PDB file of N, CA and C in Angstrom:
ATOM      1  N   MET A   1     -34.040  45.130 -46.028  1.00  0.00           N
ATOM      2  CA  MET A   1     -34.285  44.849 -44.624  1.00  0.00           C
ATOM      3  C   MET A   1     -33.681  43.488 -44.284  1.00  0.00           C
ATOM      4  N   TRP A   2     -33.312  43.343 -43.021  1.00  0.00           N
ATOM      5  CA  TRP A   2     -32.801  42.063 -42.532  1.00  0.00           C
ATOM      6  C   TRP A   2     -33.968  41.118 -42.245  1.00  0.00           C
ATOM      7  N   TYR A   3     -33.708  39.814 -42.440  1.00  0.00           N
ATOM      8  CA  TYR A   3     -34.695  38.779 -42.128  1.00  0.00           C
ATOM      9  C   TYR A   3     -33.993  37.644 -41.404  1.00  0.00           C
ATOM     10  N   ALA A   4     -34.630  37.137 -40.353  1.00  0.00           N
ATOM     11  CA  ALA A   4     -34.119  35.977 -39.622  1.00  0.00           C
ATOM     12  C   ALA A   4     -34.799  34.740 -40.183  1.00  0.00           C
ATOM     13  N   ILE A   5     -33.989  33.792 -40.572  1.00  0.00           N
ATOM     14  CA  ILE A   5     -34.476  32.496 -41.044  1.00  0.00           C
ATOM     15  C   ILE A   5     -34.124  31.498 -39.959  1.00  0.00           C
ATOM     16  N   ILE A   6     -35.156  30.984 -39.287  1.00  0.00           N
ATOM     17  CA  ILE A   6     -34.974  30.071 -38.172  1.00  0.00           C
ATOM     18  C   ILE A   6     -35.474  28.705 -38.617  1.00  0.00           C
ATOM     19  N   ALA A   7     -34.567  27.746 -38.671  1.00  0.00           N
ATOM     20  CA  ALA A   7     -34.920  26.416 -39.159  1.00  0.00           C
ATOM     21  C   ALA A   7     -34.741  25.382 -38.065  1.00  0.00           C
ATOM     22  N   GLU A   8     -35.655  24.418 -38.053  1.00  0.00           N
ATOM     23  CA  GLU A   8     -35.578  23.299 -37.111  1.00  0.00           C
ATOM     24  C   GLU A   8     -35.347  22.023 -37.906  1.00  0.00           C
ATOM     25  N   ASP A   9     -34.353  21.247 -37.491  1.00  0.00           N
ATOM     26  CA  ASP A   9     -34.007  20.008 -38.193  1.00  0.00           C
ATOM     27  C   ASP A   9     -34.954  18.866 -37.834  1.00  0.00           C
ATOM     28  N   HIS A  10     -35.121  17.961 -38.787  1.00  0.00           N
ATOM     29  CA  HIS A  10     -35.738  16.673 -38.487  1.00  0.00           C
ATOM     30  C   HIS A  10     -34.784  15.921 -37.566  1.00  0.00           C
ATOM     31  N   PRO A  11     -35.289  15.113 -36.662  1.00  0.00           N
ATOM     32  CA  PRO A  11     -34.403  14.289 -35.838  1.00  0.00           C
ATOM     33  C   PRO A  11     -33.561  13.365 -36.728  1.00  0.00           C
ATOM     34  N   ASN A  12     -32.361  13.099 -36.305  1.00  0.00           N
ATOM     35  CA  ASN A  12     -31.471  12.152 -36.988  1.00  0.00           C
ATOM     36  C   ASN A  12     -31.212  12.514 -38.456  1.00  0.00           C
ATOM     37  N   SER A  13     -31.050  13.801 -38.725  1.00  0.00           N
ATOM     38  CA  SER A  13     -30.827  14.240 -40.111  1.00  0.00           C
ATOM     39  C   SER A  13     -29.381  14.661 -40.369  1.00  0.00           C
ATOM     40  N   LEU A  14     -28.464  14.277 -39.486  1.00  0.00           N
ATOM     41  CA  LEU A  14     -27.075  14.703 -39.630  1.00  0.00           C
ATOM     42  C   LEU A  14     -26.463  14.237 -40.954  1.00  0.00           C
ATOM     43  N   GLU A  15     -26.745  13.014 -41.367  1.00  0.00           N
ATOM     44  CA  GLU A  15     -26.187  12.499 -42.615  1.00  0.00           C
ATOM     45  C   GLU A  15     -26.656  13.332 -43.816  1.00  0.00           C
ATOM     46  N   GLN A  16     -27.949  13.654 -43.857  1.00  0.00           N
ATOM     47  CA  GLN A  16     -28.486  14.489 -44.940  1.00  0.00           C
ATOM     48  C   GLN A  16     -27.887  15.896 -44.878  1.00  0.00           C
ATOM     49  N   ARG A  17     -27.724  16.412 -43.666  1.00  0.00           N
ATOM     50  CA  ARG A  17     -27.151  17.750 -43.480  1.00  0.00           C
ATOM     51  C   ARG A  17     -25.731  17.800 -44.049  1.00  0.00           C
ATOM     52  N   MET A  18     -24.931  16.818 -43.711  1.00  0.00           N
ATOM     53  CA  MET A  18     -23.541  16.821 -44.163  1.00  0.00           C
ATOM     54  C   MET A  18     -23.453  16.657 -45.682  1.00  0.00           C
ATOM     55  N   ALA A  19     -24.347  15.878 -46.271  1.00  0.00           N
ATOM     56  CA  ALA A  19     -24.342  15.676 -47.721  1.00  0.00           C
ATOM     57  C   ALA A  19     -24.713  16.962 -48.466  1.00  0.00           C
ATOM     58  N   ALA A  20     -25.645  17.743 -47.923  1.00  0.00           N
ATOM     59  CA  ALA A  20     -26.120  18.963 -48.582  1.00  0.00           C
ATOM     60  C   ALA A  20     -25.330  20.204 -48.168  1.00  0.00           C
ATOM     61  N   ARG A  21     -24.430  20.061 -47.220  1.00  0.00           N
ATOM     62  CA  ARG A  21     -23.717  21.213 -46.659  1.00  0.00           C
ATOM     63  C   ARG A  21     -22.924  22.024 -47.691  1.00  0.00           C
ATOM     64  N   PRO A  22     -22.198  21.411 -48.619  1.00  0.00           N
ATOM     65  CA  PRO A  22     -21.450  22.235 -49.587  1.00  0.00           C
ATOM     66  C   PRO A  22     -22.353  23.179 -50.393  1.00  0.00           C
ATOM     67  N   GLN A  23     -23.504  22.703 -50.834  1.00  0.00           N
ATOM     68  CA  GLN A  23     -24.431  23.557 -51.589  1.00  0.00           C
ATOM     69  C   GLN A  23     -25.050  24.630 -50.694  1.00  0.00           C
ATOM     70  N   HIS A  24     -25.344  24.264 -49.467  1.00  0.00           N
ATOM     71  CA  HIS A  24     -25.898  25.212 -48.492  1.00  0.00           C
ATOM     72  C   HIS A  24     -24.889  26.339 -48.251  1.00  0.00           C
ATOM     73  N   LEU A  25     -23.625  25.980 -48.017  1.00  0.00           N
ATOM     74  CA  LEU A  25     -22.587  26.981 -47.769  1.00  0.00           C
ATOM     75  C   LEU A  25     -22.318  27.844 -48.997  1.00  0.00           C
ATOM     76  N   GLN A  26     -22.457  27.276 -50.163  1.00  0.00           N
ATOM     77  CA  GLN A  26     -22.269  28.038 -51.402  1.00  0.00           C
ATOM     78  C   GLN A  26     -23.287  29.171 -51.493  1.00  0.00           C
ATOM     79  N   ARG A  27     -24.528  28.905 -51.137  1.00  0.00           N
ATOM     80  CA  ARG A  27     -25.564  29.946 -51.163  1.00  0.00           C
ATOM     81  C   ARG A  27     -25.284  31.024 -50.124  1.00  0.00           C
ATOM     82  N   LEU A  28     -24.811  30.610 -48.943  1.00  0.00           N
ATOM     83  CA  LEU A  28     -24.479  31.582 -47.910  1.00  0.00           C
ATOM     84  C   LEU A  28     -23.287  32.431 -48.338  1.00  0.00           C
ATOM     85  N   GLN A  29     -22.313  31.813 -48.990  1.00  0.00           N
ATOM     86  CA  GLN A  29     -21.156  32.553 -49.480  1.00  0.00           C
ATOM     87  C   GLN A  29     -21.586  33.605 -50.506  1.00  0.00           C
ATOM     88  N   ALA A  30     -22.557  33.268 -51.347  1.00  0.00           N
ATOM     89  CA  ALA A  30     -23.058  34.234 -52.331  1.00  0.00           C
ATOM     90  C   ALA A  30     -23.664  35.443 -51.627  1.00  0.00           C
ATOM     91  N   LEU A  31     -24.436  35.206 -50.555  1.00  0.00           N
ATOM     92  CA  LEU A  31     -24.988  36.327 -49.780  1.00  0.00           C
ATOM     93  C   LEU A  31     -23.862  37.151 -49.166  1.00  0.00           C
ATOM     94  N   MET A  32     -22.849  36.469 -48.654  1.00  0.00           N
ATOM     95  CA  MET A  32     -21.728  37.164 -48.035  1.00  0.00           C
ATOM     96  C   MET A  32     -20.971  37.999 -49.071  1.00  0.00           C
ATOM     97  N   ASP A  33     -20.780  37.455 -50.258  1.00  0.00           N
ATOM     98  CA  ASP A  33     -20.093  38.181 -51.325  1.00  0.00           C
ATOM     99  C   ASP A  33     -20.841  39.446 -51.723  1.00  0.00           C
ATOM    100  N   GLU A  34     -22.165  39.425 -51.538  1.00  0.00           N
ATOM    101  CA  GLU A  34     -23.004  40.582 -51.848  1.00  0.00           C
ATOM    102  C   GLU A  34     -23.210  41.487 -50.637  1.00  0.00           C
ATOM    103  N   SER A  35     -22.497  41.220 -49.531  1.00  0.00           N
ATOM    104  CA  SER A  35     -22.623  41.975 -48.271  1.00  0.00           C
ATOM    105  C   SER A  35     -24.052  41.951 -47.734  1.00  0.00           C
ATOM    106  N   ARG A  36     -24.730  40.819 -47.910  1.00  0.00           N
ATOM    107  CA  ARG A  36     -26.117  40.683 -47.458  1.00  0.00           C
ATOM    108  C   ARG A  36     -26.276  39.687 -46.312  1.00  0.00           C
ATOM    109  N   LEU A  37     -25.172  39.129 -45.820  1.00  0.00           N
ATOM    110  CA  LEU A  37     -25.241  38.152 -44.741  1.00  0.00           C
ATOM    111  C   LEU A  37     -24.732  38.773 -43.452  1.00  0.00           C
ATOM    112  N   LEU A  38     -25.594  38.813 -42.435  1.00  0.00           N
ATOM    113  CA  LEU A  38     -25.198  39.328 -41.124  1.00  0.00           C
ATOM    114  C   LEU A  38     -24.568  38.220 -40.294  1.00  0.00           C
ATOM    115  N   LEU A  39     -25.206  37.049 -40.259  1.00  0.00           N
ATOM    116  CA  LEU A  39     -24.676  35.896 -39.535  1.00  0.00           C
ATOM    117  C   LEU A  39     -25.398  34.644 -39.979  1.00  0.00           C
ATOM    118  N   ALA A  40     -24.749  33.518 -39.747  1.00  0.00           N
ATOM    119  CA  ALA A  40     -25.350  32.223 -40.067  1.00  0.00           C
ATOM    120  C   ALA A  40     -24.645  31.147 -39.269  1.00  0.00           C
ATOM    121  N   GLY A  41     -25.395  30.161 -38.849  1.00  0.00           N
ATOM    122  CA  GLY A  41     -24.780  29.034 -38.151  1.00  0.00           C
ATOM    123  C   GLY A  41     -25.819  28.062 -37.641  1.00  0.00           C
ATOM    124  N   PRO A  42     -25.354  26.868 -37.273  1.00  0.00           N
ATOM    125  CA  PRO A  42     -26.255  25.834 -36.769  1.00  0.00           C
ATOM    126  C   PRO A  42     -26.404  25.886 -35.246  1.00  0.00           C
ATOM    127  N   PHE A  43     -27.461  25.255 -34.781  1.00  0.00           N
ATOM    128  CA  PHE A  43     -27.683  25.064 -33.347  1.00  0.00           C
ATOM    129  C   PHE A  43     -27.216  23.643 -32.999  1.00  0.00           C
ATOM    130  N   PRO A  44     -26.112  23.475 -32.267  1.00  0.00           N
ATOM    131  CA  PRO A  44     -25.714  22.126 -31.862  1.00  0.00           C
ATOM    132  C   PRO A  44     -26.810  21.483 -31.008  1.00  0.00           C
ATOM    133  N   ALA A  45     -27.010  20.199 -31.195  1.00  0.00           N
ATOM    134  CA  ALA A  45     -28.050  19.483 -30.449  1.00  0.00           C
ATOM    135  C   ALA A  45     -27.673  19.275 -28.987  1.00  0.00           C
ATOM    136  N   VAL A  46     -26.386  19.425 -28.672  1.00  0.00           N
ATOM    137  CA  VAL A  46     -25.900  19.320 -27.294  1.00  0.00           C
ATOM    138  C   VAL A  46     -25.041  20.541 -27.010  1.00  0.00           C
ATOM    139  N   ASP A  47     -24.745  20.759 -25.754  1.00  0.00           N
ATOM    140  CA  ASP A  47     -23.982  21.933 -25.330  1.00  0.00           C
ATOM    141  C   ASP A  47     -22.494  21.750 -25.629  1.00  0.00           C
ATOM    142  N   ALA A  48     -22.158  21.830 -26.934  1.00  0.00           N
ATOM    143  CA  ALA A  48     -20.774  21.669 -27.367  1.00  0.00           C
ATOM    144  C   ALA A  48     -20.604  22.325 -28.728  1.00  0.00           C
ATOM    145  N   THR A  49     -19.435  22.899 -28.957  1.00  0.00           N
ATOM    146  CA  THR A  49     -19.150  23.495 -30.250  1.00  0.00           C
ATOM    147  C   THR A  49     -19.216  22.449 -31.350  1.00  0.00           C
ATOM    148  N   ASP A  50     -18.648  21.282 -31.093  1.00  0.00           N
ATOM    149  CA  ASP A  50     -18.719  20.157 -32.027  1.00  0.00           C
ATOM    150  C   ASP A  50     -19.596  19.090 -31.382  1.00  0.00           C
ATOM    151  N   PRO A  51     -20.845  18.977 -31.834  1.00  0.00           N
ATOM    152  CA  PRO A  51     -21.750  18.029 -31.193  1.00  0.00           C
ATOM    153  C   PRO A  51     -21.548  16.581 -31.605  1.00  0.00           C
ATOM    154  N   GLY A  52     -20.620  16.329 -32.516  1.00  0.00           N
ATOM    155  CA  GLY A  52     -20.363  14.952 -32.942  1.00  0.00           C
ATOM    156  C   GLY A  52     -21.614  14.296 -33.494  1.00  0.00           C
ATOM    157  N   ALA A  53     -21.825  13.059 -33.108  1.00  0.00           N
ATOM    158  CA  ALA A  53     -22.954  12.273 -33.621  1.00  0.00           C
ATOM    159  C   ALA A  53     -24.311  12.822 -33.188  1.00  0.00           C
ATOM    160  N   ALA A  54     -24.339  13.675 -32.145  1.00  0.00           N
ATOM    161  CA  ALA A  54     -25.614  14.267 -31.715  1.00  0.00           C
ATOM    162  C   ALA A  54     -26.169  15.190 -32.789  1.00  0.00           C
ATOM    163  N   GLY A  55     -25.283  15.759 -33.602  1.00  0.00           N
ATOM    164  CA  GLY A  55     -25.728  16.597 -34.715  1.00  0.00           C
ATOM    165  C   GLY A  55     -26.237  17.960 -34.291  1.00  0.00           C
ATOM    166  N   PHE A  56     -27.187  18.435 -35.049  1.00  0.00           N
ATOM    167  CA  PHE A  56     -27.696  19.788 -34.878  1.00  0.00           C
ATOM    168  C   PHE A  56     -29.213  19.767 -34.786  1.00  0.00           C
ATOM    169  N   SER A  57     -29.757  20.782 -34.138  1.00  0.00           N
ATOM    170  CA  SER A  57     -31.212  20.866 -33.985  1.00  0.00           C
ATOM    171  C   SER A  57     -31.827  21.878 -34.942  1.00  0.00           C
ATOM    172  N   GLY A  58     -31.001  22.620 -35.661  1.00  0.00           N
ATOM    173  CA  GLY A  58     -31.522  23.613 -36.596  1.00  0.00           C
ATOM    174  C   GLY A  58     -30.451  24.620 -36.962  1.00  0.00           C
ATOM    175  N   SER A  59     -30.893  25.731 -37.548  1.00  0.00           N
ATOM    176  CA  SER A  59     -29.972  26.769 -38.014  1.00  0.00           C
ATOM    177  C   SER A  59     -30.602  28.141 -37.869  1.00  0.00           C
ATOM    178  N   LEU A  60     -29.732  29.150 -37.840  1.00  0.00           N
ATOM    179  CA  LEU A  60     -30.157  30.547 -37.855  1.00  0.00           C
ATOM    180  C   LEU A  60     -29.370  31.267 -38.938  1.00  0.00           C
ATOM    181  N   ILE A  61     -30.090  31.972 -39.794  1.00  0.00           N
ATOM    182  CA  ILE A  61     -29.475  32.804 -40.827  1.00  0.00           C
ATOM    183  C   ILE A  61     -30.124  34.170 -40.716  1.00  0.00           C
ATOM    184  N   VAL A  62     -29.326  35.217 -40.677  1.00  0.00           N
ATOM    185  CA  VAL A  62     -29.851  36.584 -40.725  1.00  0.00           C
ATOM    186  C   VAL A  62     -29.224  37.227 -41.953  1.00  0.00           C
ATOM    187  N   ALA A  63     -30.084  37.579 -42.906  1.00  0.00           N
ATOM    188  CA  ALA A  63     -29.607  38.108 -44.177  1.00  0.00           C
ATOM    189  C   ALA A  63     -30.555  39.191 -44.684  1.00  0.00           C
ATOM    190  N   GLU A  64     -30.036  39.967 -45.612  1.00  0.00           N
ATOM    191  CA  GLU A  64     -30.803  41.077 -46.174  1.00  0.00           C
ATOM    192  C   GLU A  64     -31.489  40.639 -47.471  1.00  0.00           C
ATOM    193  N   PHE A  65     -32.780  40.964 -47.568  1.00  0.00           N
ATOM    194  CA  PHE A  65     -33.583  40.676 -48.758  1.00  0.00           C
ATOM    195  C   PHE A  65     -34.456  41.892 -49.053  1.00  0.00           C
ATOM    196  N   ALA A  66     -34.962  41.965 -50.269  1.00  0.00           N
ATOM    197  CA  ALA A  66     -35.799  43.090 -50.681  1.00  0.00           C
ATOM    198  C   ALA A  66     -37.087  43.161 -49.866  1.00  0.00           C
ATOM    199  N   ASP A  67     -37.633  41.994 -49.533  1.00  0.00           N
ATOM    200  CA  ASP A  67     -38.880  41.946 -48.771  1.00  0.00           C
ATOM    201  C   ASP A  67     -39.081  40.535 -48.227  1.00  0.00           C
ATOM    202  N   LEU A  68     -40.132  40.362 -47.444  1.00  0.00           N
ATOM    203  CA  LEU A  68     -40.409  39.080 -46.803  1.00  0.00           C
ATOM    204  C   LEU A  68     -40.612  37.973 -47.832  1.00  0.00           C
ATOM    205  N   ARG A  69     -41.276  38.284 -48.927  1.00  0.00           N
ATOM    206  CA  ARG A  69     -41.531  37.272 -49.959  1.00  0.00           C
ATOM    207  C   ARG A  69     -40.211  36.730 -50.514  1.00  0.00           C
ATOM    208  N   HIS A  70     -39.272  37.615 -50.811  1.00  0.00           N
ATOM    209  CA  HIS A  70     -37.978  37.168 -51.333  1.00  0.00           C
ATOM    210  C   HIS A  70     -37.203  36.356 -50.297  1.00  0.00           C
ATOM    211  N   ALA A  71     -37.265  36.758 -49.053  1.00  0.00           N
ATOM    212  CA  ALA A  71     -36.591  36.013 -47.985  1.00  0.00           C
ATOM    213  C   ALA A  71     -37.184  34.613 -47.858  1.00  0.00           C
ATOM    214  N   GLN A  72     -38.517  34.524 -47.919  1.00  0.00           N
ATOM    215  CA  GLN A  72     -39.189  33.230 -47.809  1.00  0.00           C
ATOM    216  C   GLN A  72     -38.853  32.335 -49.004  1.00  0.00           C
ATOM    217  N   GLU A  73     -38.832  32.922 -50.198  1.00  0.00           N
ATOM    218  CA  GLU A  73     -38.476  32.144 -51.392  1.00  0.00           C
ATOM    219  C   GLU A  73     -37.048  31.616 -51.290  1.00  0.00           C
ATOM    220  N   TRP A  74     -36.129  32.466 -50.818  1.00  0.00           N
ATOM    221  CA  TRP A  74     -34.750  32.037 -50.671  1.00  0.00           C
ATOM    222  C   TRP A  74     -34.669  30.887 -49.669  1.00  0.00           C
ATOM    223  N   ALA A  75     -35.341  31.019 -48.544  1.00  0.00           N
ATOM    224  CA  ALA A  75     -35.325  29.982 -47.510  1.00  0.00           C
ATOM    225  C   ALA A  75     -35.927  28.680 -48.022  1.00  0.00           C
ATOM    226  N   ASN A  76     -37.009  28.771 -48.786  1.00  0.00           N
ATOM    227  CA  ASN A  76     -37.679  27.573 -49.292  1.00  0.00           C
ATOM    228  C   ASN A  76     -36.834  26.797 -50.293  1.00  0.00           C
ATOM    229  N   THR A  77     -35.866  27.461 -50.921  1.00  0.00           N
ATOM    230  CA  THR A  77     -35.033  26.791 -51.917  1.00  0.00           C
ATOM    231  C   THR A  77     -33.665  26.396 -51.360  1.00  0.00           C
ATOM    232  N   ASP A  78     -33.504  26.446 -50.058  1.00  0.00           N
ATOM    233  CA  ASP A  78     -32.249  26.042 -49.437  1.00  0.00           C
ATOM    234  C   ASP A  78     -32.021  24.541 -49.673  1.00  0.00           C
ATOM    235  N   PRO A  79     -30.795  24.142 -49.965  1.00  0.00           N
ATOM    236  CA  PRO A  79     -30.495  22.714 -50.141  1.00  0.00           C
ATOM    237  C   PRO A  79     -30.866  21.845 -48.937  1.00  0.00           C
ATOM    238  N   PHE A  80     -30.842  22.421 -47.737  1.00  0.00           N
ATOM    239  CA  PHE A  80     -31.247  21.647 -46.565  1.00  0.00           C
ATOM    240  C   PHE A  80     -32.744  21.334 -46.594  1.00  0.00           C
ATOM    241  N   VAL A  81     -33.538  22.173 -47.211  1.00  0.00           N
ATOM    242  CA  VAL A  81     -34.970  21.889 -47.382  1.00  0.00           C
ATOM    243  C   VAL A  81     -35.121  20.728 -48.354  1.00  0.00           C
ATOM    244  N   ALA A  82     -34.466  20.829 -49.512  1.00  0.00           N
ATOM    245  CA  ALA A  82     -34.560  19.791 -50.540  1.00  0.00           C
ATOM    246  C   ALA A  82     -34.050  18.443 -50.030  1.00  0.00           C
ATOM    247  N   ALA A  83     -33.025  18.460 -49.163  1.00  0.00           N
ATOM    248  CA  ALA A  83     -32.435  17.222 -48.653  1.00  0.00           C
ATOM    249  C   ALA A  83     -33.221  16.630 -47.482  1.00  0.00           C
ATOM    250  N   GLY A  84     -34.251  17.318 -47.024  1.00  0.00           N
ATOM    251  CA  GLY A  84     -35.037  16.804 -45.910  1.00  0.00           C
ATOM    252  C   GLY A  84     -34.410  17.028 -44.549  1.00  0.00           C
ATOM    253  N   VAL A  85     -33.478  17.969 -44.458  1.00  0.00           N
ATOM    254  CA  VAL A  85     -32.854  18.287 -43.166  1.00  0.00           C
ATOM    255  C   VAL A  85     -33.818  19.101 -42.314  1.00  0.00           C
ATOM    256  N   TYR A  86     -34.372  20.145 -42.897  1.00  0.00           N
ATOM    257  CA  TYR A  86     -35.250  21.048 -42.150  1.00  0.00           C
ATOM    258  C   TYR A  86     -36.678  20.512 -42.086  1.00  0.00           C
ATOM    259  N   ALA A  87     -37.201  20.426 -40.880  1.00  0.00           N
ATOM    260  CA  ALA A  87     -38.601  20.043 -40.665  1.00  0.00           C
ATOM    261  C   ALA A  87     -39.506  21.262 -40.711  1.00  0.00           C
ATOM    262  N   LYS A  88     -38.962  22.409 -40.293  1.00  0.00           N
ATOM    263  CA  LYS A  88     -39.760  23.637 -40.216  1.00  0.00           C
ATOM    264  C   LYS A  88     -38.833  24.823 -40.445  1.00  0.00           C
ATOM    265  N   VAL A  89     -39.307  25.790 -41.224  1.00  0.00           N
ATOM    266  CA  VAL A  89     -38.542  27.009 -41.477  1.00  0.00           C
ATOM    267  C   VAL A  89     -39.457  28.201 -41.240  1.00  0.00           C
ATOM    268  N   THR A  90     -39.014  29.123 -40.394  1.00  0.00           N
ATOM    269  CA  THR A  90     -39.752  30.344 -40.093  1.00  0.00           C
ATOM    270  C   THR A  90     -38.912  31.525 -40.552  1.00  0.00           C
ATOM    271  N   VAL A  91     -39.542  32.468 -41.234  1.00  0.00           N
ATOM    272  CA  VAL A  91     -38.849  33.666 -41.695  1.00  0.00           C
ATOM    273  C   VAL A  91     -39.545  34.872 -41.080  1.00  0.00           C
ATOM    274  N   LYS A  92     -38.762  35.736 -40.430  1.00  0.00           N
ATOM    275  CA  LYS A  92     -39.312  36.917 -39.760  1.00  0.00           C
ATOM    276  C   LYS A  92     -38.454  38.136 -40.065  1.00  0.00           C
ATOM    277  N   PRO A  93     -39.079  39.303 -40.195  1.00  0.00           N
ATOM    278  CA  PRO A  93     -38.290  40.530 -40.300  1.00  0.00           C
ATOM    279  C   PRO A  93     -37.449  40.687 -39.037  1.00  0.00           C
ATOM    280  N   PHE A  94     -36.251  41.254 -39.202  1.00  0.00           N
ATOM    281  CA  PHE A  94     -35.313  41.391 -38.092  1.00  0.00           C
ATOM    282  C   PHE A  94     -34.721  42.792 -38.122  1.00  0.00           C
ATOM    283  N   ARG A  95     -34.734  43.450 -36.983  1.00  0.00           N
ATOM    284  CA  ARG A  95     -34.116  44.776 -36.885  1.00  0.00           C
ATOM    285  C   ARG A  95     -32.881  44.691 -36.006  1.00  0.00           C
ATOM    286  N   LYS A  96     -31.730  44.883 -36.605  1.00  0.00           N
ATOM    287  CA  LYS A  96     -30.473  44.854 -35.868  1.00  0.00           C
ATOM    288  C   LYS A  96     -30.374  46.112 -35.013  1.00  0.00           C
ATOM    289  N   THR A  97     -30.161  45.925 -33.727  1.00  0.00           N
ATOM    290  CA  THR A  97     -30.043  47.046 -32.803  1.00  0.00           C
ATOM    291  C   THR A  97     -28.625  47.164 -32.249  1.00  0.00           C
ATOM    292  N   LEU A  98     -28.051  46.064 -31.788  1.00  0.00           N
ATOM    293  CA  LEU A  98     -26.710  46.079 -31.213  1.00  0.00           C
ATOM    294  C   LEU A  98     -25.865  44.983 -31.834  1.00  0.00           C
ATOM    295  N   PRO A  99     -24.596  45.146 -31.979  1.00  0.00           N
ATOM    296  CA  PRO A  99     -23.909  46.403 -31.728  1.00  0.00           C
ATOM    297  C   PRO A  99     -24.318  47.451 -32.753  1.00  0.00           C
ATOM    298  N   ALA A 100     -24.381  48.668 -32.270  1.00  0.00           N
ATOM    299  CA  ALA A 100     -24.813  49.779 -33.113  1.00  0.00           C
ATOM    300  C   ALA A 100     -23.708  50.161 -34.093  1.00  0.00           C
ATOM    301  N   ILE A 101     -24.125  50.640 -35.227  1.00  0.00           N
ATOM    302  CA  ILE A 101     -23.192  51.176 -36.205  1.00  0.00           C
ATOM    303  C   ILE A 101     -22.897  52.610 -35.786  1.00  0.00           C
ATOM    304  N   PRO A 102     -21.628  52.994 -35.669  1.00  0.00           N
ATOM    305  CA  PRO A 102     -21.309  54.361 -35.236  1.00  0.00           C
ATOM    306  C   PRO A 102     -21.933  55.395 -36.172  1.00  0.00           C
ATOM    307  N   ALA A 103     -22.448  56.447 -35.578  1.00  0.00           N
ATOM    308  CA  ALA A 103     -23.027  57.537 -36.361  1.00  0.00           C
ATOM    309  C   ALA A 103     -21.927  58.277 -37.096  1.00  0.00           C
ATOM    310  N   LEU A 104     -22.243  58.697 -38.300  1.00  0.00           N
ATOM    311  CA  LEU A 104     -21.289  59.477 -39.083  1.00  0.00           C
ATOM    312  C   LEU A 104     -21.453  60.951 -38.739  1.00  0.00           C
ATOM    313  N   PRO A 105     -20.372  61.728 -38.736  1.00  0.00           N
ATOM    314  CA  PRO A 105     -20.499  63.153 -38.458  1.00  0.00           C
ATOM    315  C   PRO A 105     -21.329  63.835 -39.528  1.00  0.00           C
ATOM    316  N   ASP A 106     -22.036  64.890 -39.129  1.00  0.00           N
ATOM    317  CA  ASP A 106     -22.907  65.615 -40.062  1.00  0.00           C
ATOM    318  C   ASP A 106     -22.168  66.151 -41.259  1.00  0.00           C
ATOM    319  N   ASN A 107     -20.914  66.474 -41.074  1.00  0.00           N
ATOM    320  CA  ASN A 107     -20.164  67.104 -42.163  1.00  0.00           C
ATOM    321  C   ASN A 107     -19.311  66.127 -42.954  1.00  0.00           C
ATOM    322  N   GLN A 108     -19.627  64.848 -42.916  1.00  0.00           N
ATOM    323  CA  GLN A 108     -18.796  63.839 -43.581  1.00  0.00           C
ATOM    324  C   GLN A 108     -18.724  64.034 -45.091  1.00  0.00           C
ATOM    325  N   PHE A 109     -19.710  64.697 -45.685  1.00  0.00           N
ATOM    326  CA  PHE A 109     -19.732  64.866 -47.137  1.00  0.00           C
ATOM    327  C   PHE A 109     -19.242  66.235 -47.582  1.00  0.00           C
ATOM    328  N   ASP A 110     -18.791  67.063 -46.634  1.00  0.00           N
ATOM    329  CA  ASP A 110     -18.307  68.399 -46.991  1.00  0.00           C
ATOM    330  C   ASP A 110     -16.973  68.341 -47.683  1.00  0.00           C
TER     331      ASP A 110
END
């Protein structure tokens, strides 16, 4: 099942975020390599693609895990948690609705 990991950054944590970013991205790449990552990215603290010194207010990751416990464990061991970037992390089950995956014809296995 998919799970949404919604994280909120501590104020003024851009320096810690940038220091831990390579390890954070490595974990996301591992999920992507396993076809378990739907999307991931940060929330800019200002209305700009590159927020500069304003930094980020948090992150969103939607990934597939066996169950809520595994998703929570994965989120709790994120390098951004260890580095003190994230002030709060919420993990919720997520059901992808759109865009829909095209239905396969009934006779696809004939």
